[in-house]
Structure formats: C-alpha cells, structure tokens
Amino acid sequence: MKQIIYKFIYSPFINQILRSINKLLSPIFPNIQLPPSGKVKTVTKFGQSVLFSTNQTNYTTHLIYWNGLESFEYTNIFEDLSKKCSCFIDIGANTGHYSILAAIINSSITVHAFEPAHSPYIFLEENIELNNLRGRVHPHKIALSDKDGEITFYEMQNEKYQWLEHNLGGVGNFKEVKTDIRMTQTIVPTTTLDSFVKEHSISEITLMKIDTEATEHIILSGAADVLQHIKPIIICETLFNQIELQLDFIMTKYGYEFYNYQNGALYKANSIVRSVDNGVRDCFFVHPSRFSLIEEFVRS
C-alpha cells in the first residue's frame, strides 16, 4: 500500500500540484517539504531560465526547489566564474547541475561532463536535451582515474521506492562501500584526465569540478600534465578525515593554493588537512596565475 501511495504522489503531474500546494502552505508548515519529481524550473542570478529533470531521490533539486538556486553549495560563486571560462570540466557531474548552469550562463563555454553511474547519466543526457545544450555540453559515460582501462563501478539501489528505476541519491563509486543497502556492479571504461585532454586536443581548461566520493586524489594523480601546464581552477570536495592529506600533497606539489568555501565566500588556508571538522566541504584549488579570476570572492 505504501508503494502505491509513493507512486501516486511522485508521479510528475500529481507531484507538481502537491508541491505547489506545499509551497503555499510552507509558512504554516515550514518543516514539510515534498521532494520534487518531474521538471523543476529555476532562474540564474543573471535571469536565464534553467530546467532540471529529476525524481524524489535527487537531493540537489530538492534543495534548489525549496531554498533557491544560489543557496546550493557554491553556486553563487560558480555562476560568476562560469562567465569567465572558456572550458569547464565536470568530474562527477551527476545529473548535470553545474554543467547545465555553466553552459546556460556562458554561451561560448565548452563543457565536458563525466558521469559513469547509469541512472544519473540518463538524467544528465535528459537535462542537456531539456535545455537545448546538445553540442555544447558533452556527456561522457566513463570514469576518470589514474590509468586507462576498466573498473568495477558500484551503485546503491533505493530501498524506499522499490518501483523506482533510477536512484539519483545513492553513492556511486569505484570503491565498494560497506553498507546493508543493495549495490549493483557494472564494468565501466576508465581514462586519465591527461589522456582525455590529449585525445581531444584541449589546450585550455579554466575551471574544473571534482566530486567523486573520496576518489578525487586518484583522478588528480592521472592529471600531471594538466596540473603542470594548464593549471585550471579546481573545485574539489574535501570531506573531513578522508583524503585531505593526499590532496594537499598533490596540489602543493604543483604550486596550488587553497581557498575554503564558507558562507558564500572564499578564505585562504595554508593546508586542507584538519585536526577537527570545521564544516568545510569544498575547497577551491587555485594556481597563483589564476588568482585574478577568484579575487573578488576572497575574504580575509
């Protein structure tokens, strides 16, 4: 019976009606927020409309719908940076939040979006089509790593919505996660960022985002040429007590500086290695030659 109810309230047409009513009543019931399913429309700070196809397992579109676009992670800075970019590499693109934004905000930018997980990739392609960005956002269903070849990729299945085909909220990783949740395994091709850049004759990357569930250091280990010669700004997830030491070592080696993202601004840090969790989840790795691109966002 519960599955039938879920199926009803998360069918796109019904969900749109219910969440619209929910939003009207939110001042009275602020703790009730129905996750969106179907199409979510939002607007950038520059006035461009953006559409995201989603379902109730996608926490990103949940936050965007209820709190606004600029409230999500570092979107407020990312939108401004996108206008200054010629090429954006999105590693761990998921359903394409940052890839879609960059291409809509900057009509001359080239975007390469990497997402090896099956379900998010389906929605990534759908969102590219939905926003008429085919040919400008290039999706790649491969995993970046420190070597070329193949790997086993693990994806979590959704236990709550048993009828749902695509889980957009589970962990996807090429490291097996110890959990009681069912996991599916698929074989996906891998390449290094250096190999990809060489193959596609890419000479400039202004901005890169990496969010790959604590495998970021492995990907950066396969990007020596990019880090040494192209020196893109890299927005990287830095989860406490996981791989900060490895990331610190790699980026320091190539002369990068660290700027932690907090409360809508960037704060320079001598190291991303922490003894206690200070709540920082994302760091901008910036080579001094690119500092002018972020200078307006830096606070002391």
C-alpha atoms as a PDB file:
ATOM      1  CA  MET A   1       0.000   0.000   0.000  1.00  0.00           C
ATOM      2  CA  LYS A   2       2.831   2.386   0.901  1.00  0.00           C
ATOM      3  CA  GLN A   3       4.469   1.839  -2.501  1.00  0.00           C
ATOM      4  CA  ILE A   4       1.195   2.696  -4.259  1.00  0.00           C
ATOM      5  CA  ILE A   5       0.956   5.950  -2.299  1.00  0.00           C
ATOM      6  CA  TYR A   6       4.557   6.832  -3.115  1.00  0.00           C
ATOM      7  CA  LYS A   7       3.973   6.074  -6.776  1.00  0.00           C
ATOM      8  CA  PHE A   8       0.947   8.380  -6.780  1.00  0.00           C
ATOM      9  CA  ILE A   9       2.464  11.410  -5.037  1.00  0.00           C
ATOM     10  CA  TYR A  10       5.696  11.218  -7.039  1.00  0.00           C
ATOM     11  CA  SER A  11       4.102  10.896 -10.465  1.00  0.00           C
ATOM     12  CA  PRO A  12       5.272  14.142 -12.119  1.00  0.00           C
ATOM     13  CA  PHE A  13       1.835  15.722 -12.716  1.00  0.00           C
ATOM     14  CA  ILE A  14       0.491  14.963  -9.237  1.00  0.00           C
ATOM     15  CA  ASN A  15       3.781  15.888  -7.616  1.00  0.00           C
ATOM     16  CA  GLN A  16       3.782  19.306  -9.269  1.00  0.00           C
ATOM     17  CA  ILE A  17       0.304  20.027  -7.879  1.00  0.00           C
ATOM     18  CA  LEU A  18       1.122  18.728  -4.393  1.00  0.00           C
ATOM     19  CA  ARG A  19       4.431  20.564  -4.055  1.00  0.00           C
ATOM     20  CA  SER A  20       2.838  23.803  -5.285  1.00  0.00           C
ATOM     21  CA  ILE A  21       0.237  23.485  -2.529  1.00  0.00           C
ATOM     22  CA  ASN A  22       3.000  22.519  -0.106  1.00  0.00           C
ATOM     23  CA  LYS A  23       4.929  25.667  -1.006  1.00  0.00           C
ATOM     24  CA  LEU A  24       1.885  27.896  -0.487  1.00  0.00           C
ATOM     25  CA  LEU A  25       1.401  26.383   2.959  1.00  0.00           C
ATOM     26  CA  SER A  26       5.106  26.384   3.879  1.00  0.00           C
ATOM     27  CA  PRO A  27       4.801  29.445   6.181  1.00  0.00           C
ATOM     28  CA  ILE A  28       2.337  27.415   8.260  1.00  0.00           C
ATOM     29  CA  PHE A  29       4.134  24.066   7.947  1.00  0.00           C
ATOM     30  CA  PRO A  30       7.833  25.006   7.472  1.00  0.00           C
ATOM     31  CA  ASN A  31       9.141  21.511   8.231  1.00  0.00           C
ATOM     32  CA  ILE A  32       7.154  19.779   5.500  1.00  0.00           C
ATOM     33  CA  GLN A  33       8.941  19.846   2.134  1.00  0.00           C
ATOM     34  CA  LEU A  34       7.802  17.381  -0.517  1.00  0.00           C
ATOM     35  CA  PRO A  35      10.717  16.318  -2.742  1.00  0.00           C
ATOM     36  CA  PRO A  36      10.163  17.288  -6.386  1.00  0.00           C
ATOM     37  CA  SER A  37       9.689  14.738  -9.136  1.00  0.00           C
ATOM     38  CA  GLY A  38       9.411  15.657 -12.809  1.00  0.00           C
ATOM     39  CA  LYS A  39      10.579  19.064 -14.029  1.00  0.00           C
ATOM     40  CA  VAL A  40      11.993  21.779 -11.765  1.00  0.00           C
ATOM     41  CA  LYS A  41      12.358  25.293 -13.159  1.00  0.00           C
ATOM     42  CA  THR A  42      14.763  27.811 -11.676  1.00  0.00           C
ATOM     43  CA  VAL A  43      16.479  31.041 -12.718  1.00  0.00           C
ATOM     44  CA  THR A  44      20.151  32.054 -12.575  1.00  0.00           C
ATOM     45  CA  LYS A  45      21.241  35.311 -10.944  1.00  0.00           C
ATOM     46  CA  PHE A  46      21.576  36.688 -14.493  1.00  0.00           C
ATOM     47  CA  GLY A  47      17.954  35.939 -15.336  1.00  0.00           C
ATOM     48  CA  GLN A  48      18.314  32.816 -17.529  1.00  0.00           C
ATOM     49  CA  SER A  49      15.759  30.044 -17.059  1.00  0.00           C
ATOM     50  CA  VAL A  50      17.037  26.552 -16.242  1.00  0.00           C
ATOM     51  CA  LEU A  51      15.100  23.292 -16.281  1.00  0.00           C
ATOM     52  CA  PHE A  52      16.087  20.146 -14.407  1.00  0.00           C
ATOM     53  CA  SER A  53      14.510  16.747 -14.874  1.00  0.00           C
ATOM     54  CA  THR A  54      14.593  14.930 -11.546  1.00  0.00           C
ATOM     55  CA  ASN A  55      12.930  12.498  -9.194  1.00  0.00           C
ATOM     56  CA  GLN A  56      12.410  12.374  -5.451  1.00  0.00           C
ATOM     57  CA  THR A  57      15.800  10.762  -4.740  1.00  0.00           C
ATOM     58  CA  ASN A  58      17.784  13.783  -6.002  1.00  0.00           C
ATOM     59  CA  TYR A  59      18.674  15.940  -3.001  1.00  0.00           C
ATOM     60  CA  THR A  60      20.214  18.655  -5.193  1.00  0.00           C
ATOM     61  CA  THR A  61      16.944  19.537  -6.917  1.00  0.00           C
ATOM     62  CA  HIS A  62      15.142  19.192  -3.586  1.00  0.00           C
ATOM     63  CA  LEU A  63      17.340  21.919  -2.091  1.00  0.00           C
ATOM     64  CA  ILE A  64      17.137  24.102  -5.197  1.00  0.00           C
ATOM     65  CA  TYR A  65      13.341  23.912  -5.306  1.00  0.00           C
ATOM     66  CA  TRP A  66      12.870  24.747  -1.637  1.00  0.00           C
ATOM     67  CA  ASN A  67      15.800  27.078  -0.905  1.00  0.00           C
ATOM     68  CA  GLY A  68      16.674  28.649  -4.249  1.00  0.00           C
ATOM     69  CA  LEU A  69      19.465  28.121  -6.760  1.00  0.00           C
ATOM     70  CA  GLU A  70      22.138  30.262  -5.105  1.00  0.00           C
ATOM     71  CA  SER A  71      21.698  28.517  -1.761  1.00  0.00           C
ATOM     72  CA  PHE A  72      23.107  25.249  -3.102  1.00  0.00           C
ATOM     73  CA  GLU A  73      26.771  24.709  -2.249  1.00  0.00           C
ATOM     74  CA  TYR A  74      28.993  27.270  -4.035  1.00  0.00           C
ATOM     75  CA  THR A  75      26.560  28.048  -6.882  1.00  0.00           C
ATOM     76  CA  ASN A  76      26.686  31.780  -6.119  1.00  0.00           C
ATOM     77  CA  ILE A  77      30.416  31.919  -6.950  1.00  0.00           C
ATOM     78  CA  PHE A  78      30.218  29.295  -9.689  1.00  0.00           C
ATOM     79  CA  GLU A  79      27.743  31.361 -11.700  1.00  0.00           C
ATOM     80  CA  ASP A  80      30.127  34.333 -11.776  1.00  0.00           C
ATOM     81  CA  LEU A  81      33.144  32.152 -12.557  1.00  0.00           C
ATOM     82  CA  SER A  82      31.298  30.493 -15.445  1.00  0.00           C
ATOM     83  CA  LYS A  83      31.073  33.796 -17.276  1.00  0.00           C
ATOM     84  CA  LYS A  84      34.883  33.988 -17.276  1.00  0.00           C
ATOM     85  CA  CYS A  85      35.511  30.437 -18.512  1.00  0.00           C
ATOM     86  CA  SER A  86      36.246  29.040 -21.941  1.00  0.00           C
ATOM     87  CA  CYS A  87      36.256  25.368 -20.874  1.00  0.00           C
ATOM     88  CA  PHE A  88      34.714  23.642 -17.851  1.00  0.00           C
ATOM     89  CA  ILE A  89      35.423  20.025 -16.876  1.00  0.00           C
ATOM     90  CA  ASP A  90      32.762  18.498 -14.603  1.00  0.00           C
ATOM     91  CA  ILE A  91      34.012  15.280 -12.987  1.00  0.00           C
ATOM     92  CA  GLY A  92      31.240  13.510 -11.118  1.00  0.00           C
ATOM     93  CA  ALA A  93      28.605  15.525 -12.955  1.00  0.00           C
ATOM     94  CA  ASN A  94      25.664  13.510 -11.587  1.00  0.00           C
ATOM     95  CA  THR A  95      22.516  14.844 -13.317  1.00  0.00           C
ATOM     96  CA  GLY A  96      24.358  17.920 -14.587  1.00  0.00           C
ATOM     97  CA  HIS A  97      23.631  20.761 -12.159  1.00  0.00           C
ATOM     98  CA  TYR A  98      26.921  22.610 -12.703  1.00  0.00           C
ATOM     99  CA  SER A  99      27.366  21.572 -16.343  1.00  0.00           C
ATOM    100  CA  ILE A 100      23.933  22.889 -17.304  1.00  0.00           C
ATOM    101  CA  LEU A 101      24.402  26.129 -15.367  1.00  0.00           C
ATOM    102  CA  ALA A 102      27.790  26.857 -16.924  1.00  0.00           C
ATOM    103  CA  ALA A 103      26.521  26.348 -20.470  1.00  0.00           C
ATOM    104  CA  ILE A 104      23.372  28.435 -19.947  1.00  0.00           C
ATOM    105  CA  ILE A 105      25.237  31.300 -18.283  1.00  0.00           C
ATOM    106  CA  ASN A 106      28.080  31.365 -20.820  1.00  0.00           C
ATOM    107  CA  SER A 107      27.050  30.706 -24.424  1.00  0.00           C
ATOM    108  CA  SER A 108      30.679  30.384 -25.582  1.00  0.00           C
ATOM    109  CA  ILE A 109      31.861  27.876 -22.958  1.00  0.00           C
ATOM    110  CA  THR A 110      32.704  24.248 -23.765  1.00  0.00           C
ATOM    111  CA  VAL A 111      31.648  21.731 -21.114  1.00  0.00           C
ATOM    112  CA  HIS A 112      32.788  18.129 -20.680  1.00  0.00           C
ATOM    113  CA  ALA A 113      30.680  16.246 -18.109  1.00  0.00           C
ATOM    114  CA  PHE A 114      31.886  12.890 -16.759  1.00  0.00           C
ATOM    115  CA  GLU A 115      29.383  10.581 -15.079  1.00  0.00           C
ATOM    116  CA  PRO A 116      29.908   6.798 -15.077  1.00  0.00           C
ATOM    117  CA  ALA A 117      26.841   5.951 -12.943  1.00  0.00           C
ATOM    118  CA  HIS A 118      23.964   4.689 -15.089  1.00  0.00           C
ATOM    119  CA  SER A 119      20.952   6.467 -13.562  1.00  0.00           C
ATOM    120  CA  PRO A 120      22.489   9.929 -13.103  1.00  0.00           C
ATOM    121  CA  TYR A 121      23.871   9.702 -16.646  1.00  0.00           C
ATOM    122  CA  ILE A 122      20.363   9.091 -18.025  1.00  0.00           C
ATOM    123  CA  PHE A 123      19.177  12.296 -16.346  1.00  0.00           C
ATOM    124  CA  LEU A 124      22.328  14.171 -17.378  1.00  0.00           C
ATOM    125  CA  GLU A 125      21.537  13.496 -21.034  1.00  0.00           C
ATOM    126  CA  GLU A 126      17.874  14.376 -20.490  1.00  0.00           C
ATOM    127  CA  ASN A 127      18.817  17.698 -18.882  1.00  0.00           C
ATOM    128  CA  ILE A 128      21.151  18.527 -21.764  1.00  0.00           C
ATOM    129  CA  GLU A 129      18.280  17.962 -24.209  1.00  0.00           C
ATOM    130  CA  LEU A 130      15.777  19.763 -21.994  1.00  0.00           C
ATOM    131  CA  ASN A 131      17.889  22.932 -22.052  1.00  0.00           C
ATOM    132  CA  ASN A 132      18.840  22.659 -25.749  1.00  0.00           C
ATOM    133  CA  LEU A 133      22.528  22.250 -24.944  1.00  0.00           C
ATOM    134  CA  ARG A 134      23.385  19.304 -27.174  1.00  0.00           C
ATOM    135  CA  GLY A 135      26.732  20.005 -28.833  1.00  0.00           C
ATOM    136  CA  ARG A 136      27.794  22.427 -26.093  1.00  0.00           C
ATOM    137  CA  VAL A 137      27.672  20.116 -23.073  1.00  0.00           C
ATOM    138  CA  HIS A 138      29.448  16.875 -23.939  1.00  0.00           C
ATOM    139  CA  PRO A 139      28.483  13.950 -21.658  1.00  0.00           C
ATOM    140  CA  HIS A 140      30.968  11.112 -21.123  1.00  0.00           C
ATOM    141  CA  LYS A 141      29.883   7.835 -19.522  1.00  0.00           C
ATOM    142  CA  ILE A 142      33.380   6.961 -18.398  1.00  0.00           C
ATOM    143  CA  ALA A 143      35.267   7.148 -15.106  1.00  0.00           C
ATOM    144  CA  LEU A 144      38.369   9.283 -14.812  1.00  0.00           C
ATOM    145  CA  SER A 145      41.124   7.553 -12.881  1.00  0.00           C
ATOM    146  CA  ASP A 146      44.909   7.270 -12.707  1.00  0.00           C
ATOM    147  CA  LYS A 147      45.096   4.769 -15.564  1.00  0.00           C
ATOM    148  CA  ASP A 148      43.365   3.740 -18.769  1.00  0.00           C
ATOM    149  CA  GLY A 149      41.350   0.526 -18.738  1.00  0.00           C
ATOM    150  CA  GLU A 150      38.208  -0.694 -16.998  1.00  0.00           C
ATOM    151  CA  ILE A 151      36.920  -0.764 -13.430  1.00  0.00           C
ATOM    152  CA  THR A 152      34.004  -2.177 -11.491  1.00  0.00           C
ATOM    153  CA  PHE A 153      31.636   0.646 -10.579  1.00  0.00           C
ATOM    154  CA  TYR A 154      29.281   0.285  -7.615  1.00  0.00           C
ATOM    155  CA  GLU A 155      25.870   1.971  -7.358  1.00  0.00           C
ATOM    156  CA  MET A 156      23.447   1.927  -4.447  1.00  0.00           C
ATOM    157  CA  GLN A 157      19.864   0.858  -5.039  1.00  0.00           C
ATOM    158  CA  ASN A 158      16.961   2.721  -3.474  1.00  0.00           C
ATOM    159  CA  GLU A 159      15.213   0.680  -0.793  1.00  0.00           C
ATOM    160  CA  LYS A 160      12.404   3.132  -0.041  1.00  0.00           C
ATOM    161  CA  TYR A 161      10.943   3.370  -3.545  1.00  0.00           C
ATOM    162  CA  GLN A 162      11.023  -0.229  -4.707  1.00  0.00           C
ATOM    163  CA  TRP A 163       9.337   0.502  -8.048  1.00  0.00           C
ATOM    164  CA  LEU A 164      11.677   3.362  -8.980  1.00  0.00           C
ATOM    165  CA  GLU A 165      14.033   2.595 -11.848  1.00  0.00           C
ATOM    166  CA  HIS A 166      16.577   5.370 -11.279  1.00  0.00           C
ATOM    167  CA  ASN A 167      18.181   6.178  -7.938  1.00  0.00           C
ATOM    168  CA  LEU A 168      19.796   9.636  -8.055  1.00  0.00           C
ATOM    169  CA  GLY A 169      20.705   9.870  -4.398  1.00  0.00           C
ATOM    170  CA  GLY A 170      22.811   6.806  -3.751  1.00  0.00           C
ATOM    171  CA  VAL A 171      26.572   6.662  -3.649  1.00  0.00           C
ATOM    172  CA  GLY A 172      28.244   5.754  -6.913  1.00  0.00           C
ATOM    173  CA  ASN A 173      31.898   4.862  -6.648  1.00  0.00           C
ATOM    174  CA  PHE A 174      34.639   2.596  -7.918  1.00  0.00           C
ATOM    175  CA  LYS A 175      35.386   1.672  -4.313  1.00  0.00           C
ATOM    176  CA  GLU A 176      32.959  -0.768  -2.732  1.00  0.00           C
ATOM    177  CA  VAL A 177      31.115   0.862   0.167  1.00  0.00           C
ATOM    178  CA  LYS A 178      30.373  -1.219   3.263  1.00  0.00           C
ATOM    179  CA  THR A 179      26.608  -0.966   3.636  1.00  0.00           C
ATOM    180  CA  ASP A 180      23.469  -3.040   4.066  1.00  0.00           C
ATOM    181  CA  ILE A 181      21.921  -1.334   1.025  1.00  0.00           C
ATOM    182  CA  ARG A 182      21.875  -3.380  -2.171  1.00  0.00           C
ATOM    183  CA  MET A 183      24.585  -2.475  -4.661  1.00  0.00           C
ATOM    184  CA  THR A 184      24.753  -3.075  -8.386  1.00  0.00           C
ATOM    185  CA  GLN A 185      28.043  -3.570 -10.171  1.00  0.00           C
ATOM    186  CA  THR A 186      28.859  -2.531 -13.715  1.00  0.00           C
ATOM    187  CA  ILE A 187      32.068  -2.503 -15.706  1.00  0.00           C
ATOM    188  CA  VAL A 188      32.890   0.978 -16.964  1.00  0.00           C
ATOM    189  CA  PRO A 189      35.811   2.245 -19.063  1.00  0.00           C
ATOM    190  CA  THR A 190      38.406   4.470 -17.421  1.00  0.00           C
ATOM    191  CA  THR A 191      40.862   7.015 -18.708  1.00  0.00           C
ATOM    192  CA  THR A 192      43.114   9.623 -17.191  1.00  0.00           C
ATOM    193  CA  LEU A 193      42.422  13.314 -17.497  1.00  0.00           C
ATOM    194  CA  ASP A 194      45.770  13.714 -19.242  1.00  0.00           C
ATOM    195  CA  SER A 195      44.811  11.080 -21.840  1.00  0.00           C
ATOM    196  CA  PHE A 196      41.403  12.666 -22.389  1.00  0.00           C
ATOM    197  CA  VAL A 197      42.856  16.153 -22.838  1.00  0.00           C
ATOM    198  CA  LYS A 198      45.450  14.864 -25.297  1.00  0.00           C
ATOM    199  CA  GLU A 199      42.900  12.832 -27.258  1.00  0.00           C
ATOM    200  CA  HIS A 200      40.559  15.818 -27.611  1.00  0.00           C
ATOM    201  CA  SER A 201      43.338  18.380 -28.241  1.00  0.00           C
ATOM    202  CA  ILE A 202      42.259  20.532 -25.285  1.00  0.00           C
ATOM    203  CA  SER A 203      44.745  23.315 -24.606  1.00  0.00           C
ATOM    204  CA  GLU A 204      42.753  25.402 -22.103  1.00  0.00           C
ATOM    205  CA  ILE A 205      40.677  24.446 -19.064  1.00  0.00           C
ATOM    206  CA  THR A 206      39.668  27.407 -16.954  1.00  0.00           C
ATOM    207  CA  LEU A 207      37.608  25.582 -14.362  1.00  0.00           C
ATOM    208  CA  MET A 208      37.225  22.025 -13.148  1.00  0.00           C
ATOM    209  CA  LYS A 209      34.955  20.488 -10.524  1.00  0.00           C
ATOM    210  CA  ILE A 210      35.635  17.120  -8.881  1.00  0.00           C
ATOM    211  CA  ASP A 211      33.124  15.384  -6.629  1.00  0.00           C
ATOM    212  CA  THR A 212      33.748  11.645  -6.717  1.00  0.00           C
ATOM    213  CA  GLU A 213      33.196  10.373  -3.176  1.00  0.00           C
ATOM    214  CA  ALA A 214      36.774  10.335  -1.861  1.00  0.00           C
ATOM    215  CA  THR A 215      38.499   9.201  -5.058  1.00  0.00           C
ATOM    216  CA  GLU A 216      39.497  12.717  -6.120  1.00  0.00           C
ATOM    217  CA  HIS A 217      43.175  12.109  -5.339  1.00  0.00           C
ATOM    218  CA  ILE A 218      43.232   9.122  -7.713  1.00  0.00           C
ATOM    219  CA  ILE A 219      41.842  11.247 -10.539  1.00  0.00           C
ATOM    220  CA  LEU A 220      44.307  14.070  -9.879  1.00  0.00           C
ATOM    221  CA  SER A 221      47.149  11.545  -9.887  1.00  0.00           C
ATOM    222  CA  GLY A 222      46.313  10.968 -13.554  1.00  0.00           C
ATOM    223  CA  ALA A 223      46.346  14.683 -14.358  1.00  0.00           C
ATOM    224  CA  ALA A 224      50.026  15.621 -14.001  1.00  0.00           C
ATOM    225  CA  ASP A 225      50.240  17.364 -17.391  1.00  0.00           C
ATOM    226  CA  VAL A 226      47.019  19.288 -16.819  1.00  0.00           C
ATOM    227  CA  LEU A 227      48.115  20.467 -13.372  1.00  0.00           C
ATOM    228  CA  GLN A 228      51.609  21.392 -14.501  1.00  0.00           C
ATOM    229  CA  HIS A 229      50.828  23.113 -17.801  1.00  0.00           C
ATOM    230  CA  ILE A 230      47.130  24.126 -17.978  1.00  0.00           C
ATOM    231  CA  LYS A 231      46.604  24.934 -14.268  1.00  0.00           C
ATOM    232  CA  PRO A 232      42.795  25.072 -14.089  1.00  0.00           C
ATOM    233  CA  ILE A 233      40.959  26.298 -11.009  1.00  0.00           C
ATOM    234  CA  ILE A 234      39.721  23.115  -9.320  1.00  0.00           C
ATOM    235  CA  ILE A 235      36.676  22.983  -7.064  1.00  0.00           C
ATOM    236  CA  CYS A 236      37.078  19.840  -5.005  1.00  0.00           C
ATOM    237  CA  GLU A 237      35.006  18.182  -2.319  1.00  0.00           C
ATOM    238  CA  THR A 238      37.127  17.812   0.828  1.00  0.00           C
ATOM    239  CA  LEU A 239      35.424  15.523   3.318  1.00  0.00           C
ATOM    240  CA  PHE A 240      36.947  15.564   6.780  1.00  0.00           C
ATOM    241  CA  ASN A 241      39.419  12.832   7.728  1.00  0.00           C
ATOM    242  CA  GLN A 242      39.356  11.061   4.379  1.00  0.00           C
ATOM    243  CA  ILE A 243      41.814  12.079   1.649  1.00  0.00           C
ATOM    244  CA  GLU A 244      42.818  15.621   2.639  1.00  0.00           C
ATOM    245  CA  LEU A 245      46.460  14.625   3.144  1.00  0.00           C
ATOM    246  CA  GLN A 246      46.733  13.094  -0.324  1.00  0.00           C
ATOM    247  CA  LEU A 247      45.031  16.085  -1.959  1.00  0.00           C
ATOM    248  CA  ASP A 248      47.212  18.529  -0.024  1.00  0.00           C
ATOM    249  CA  PHE A 249      50.363  16.749  -1.187  1.00  0.00           C
ATOM    250  CA  ILE A 250      49.349  16.607  -4.857  1.00  0.00           C
ATOM    251  CA  MET A 251      48.191  20.204  -5.156  1.00  0.00           C
ATOM    252  CA  THR A 252      51.106  21.669  -3.183  1.00  0.00           C
ATOM    253  CA  LYS A 253      53.462  19.802  -5.494  1.00  0.00           C
ATOM    254  CA  TYR A 254      52.067  21.763  -8.456  1.00  0.00           C
ATOM    255  CA  GLY A 255      52.157  25.135  -6.715  1.00  0.00           C
ATOM    256  CA  TYR A 256      48.444  25.447  -5.987  1.00  0.00           C
ATOM    257  CA  GLU A 257      46.959  27.483  -3.133  1.00  0.00           C
ATOM    258  CA  PHE A 258      43.885  26.584  -1.096  1.00  0.00           C
ATOM    259  CA  TYR A 259      40.717  28.633  -0.643  1.00  0.00           C
ATOM    260  CA  ASN A 260      37.995  27.128   1.508  1.00  0.00           C
ATOM    261  CA  TYR A 261      34.400  27.894   0.608  1.00  0.00           C
ATOM    262  CA  GLN A 262      32.352  29.108   3.576  1.00  0.00           C
ATOM    263  CA  ASN A 263      29.203  31.227   3.834  1.00  0.00           C
ATOM    264  CA  GLY A 264      29.288  32.420   0.251  1.00  0.00           C
ATOM    265  CA  ALA A 265      32.961  33.461   0.161  1.00  0.00           C
ATOM    266  CA  LEU A 266      36.493  32.057  -0.158  1.00  0.00           C
ATOM    267  CA  TYR A 267      39.043  32.059   2.670  1.00  0.00           C
ATOM    268  CA  LYS A 268      42.686  31.225   2.084  1.00  0.00           C
ATOM    269  CA  ALA A 269      44.041  28.242   4.022  1.00  0.00           C
ATOM    270  CA  ASN A 270      47.644  27.095   4.361  1.00  0.00           C
ATOM    271  CA  SER A 271      46.528  23.470   4.222  1.00  0.00           C
ATOM    272  CA  ILE A 272      43.335  21.479   3.788  1.00  0.00           C
ATOM    273  CA  VAL A 273      44.444  18.936   6.397  1.00  0.00           C
ATOM    274  CA  ARG A 274      42.345  19.437   9.541  1.00  0.00           C
ATOM    275  CA  SER A 275      42.571  18.110  13.084  1.00  0.00           C
ATOM    276  CA  VAL A 276      38.871  18.811  13.726  1.00  0.00           C
ATOM    277  CA  ASP A 277      35.906  19.047  11.399  1.00  0.00           C
ATOM    278  CA  ASN A 278      35.206  22.754  10.818  1.00  0.00           C
ATOM    279  CA  GLY A 279      32.300  22.155   8.474  1.00  0.00           C
ATOM    280  CA  VAL A 280      34.137  22.983   5.250  1.00  0.00           C
ATOM    281  CA  ARG A 281      33.071  20.641   2.457  1.00  0.00           C
ATOM    282  CA  ASP A 282      34.565  22.266  -0.629  1.00  0.00           C
ATOM    283  CA  CYS A 283      37.887  23.869  -1.460  1.00  0.00           C
ATOM    284  CA  PHE A 284      38.975  25.905  -4.477  1.00  0.00           C
ATOM    285  CA  PHE A 285      42.471  24.847  -5.559  1.00  0.00           C
ATOM    286  CA  VAL A 286      43.888  27.898  -7.336  1.00  0.00           C
ATOM    287  CA  HIS A 287      47.244  28.344  -9.008  1.00  0.00           C
ATOM    288  CA  PRO A 288      48.599  31.896  -8.425  1.00  0.00           C
ATOM    289  CA  SER A 289      48.439  32.512 -12.177  1.00  0.00           C
ATOM    290  CA  ARG A 290      44.621  32.179 -11.943  1.00  0.00           C
ATOM    291  CA  PHE A 291      44.109  34.203  -8.766  1.00  0.00           C
ATOM    292  CA  SER A 292      42.590  37.186 -10.591  1.00  0.00           C
ATOM    293  CA  LEU A 293      39.593  35.026 -11.524  1.00  0.00           C
ATOM    294  CA  ILE A 294      38.634  34.461  -7.875  1.00  0.00           C
ATOM    295  CA  GLU A 295      40.000  37.628  -6.249  1.00  0.00           C
ATOM    296  CA  GLU A 296      36.572  39.262  -5.893  1.00  0.00           C
ATOM    297  CA  PHE A 297      35.286  36.322  -3.829  1.00  0.00           C
ATOM    298  CA  VAL A 298      38.222  36.152  -1.366  1.00  0.00           C
ATOM    299  CA  ARG A 299      37.750  37.399   2.182  1.00  0.00           C
ATOM    300  CA  SER A 300      40.342  37.673   4.944  1.00  0.00           C
END
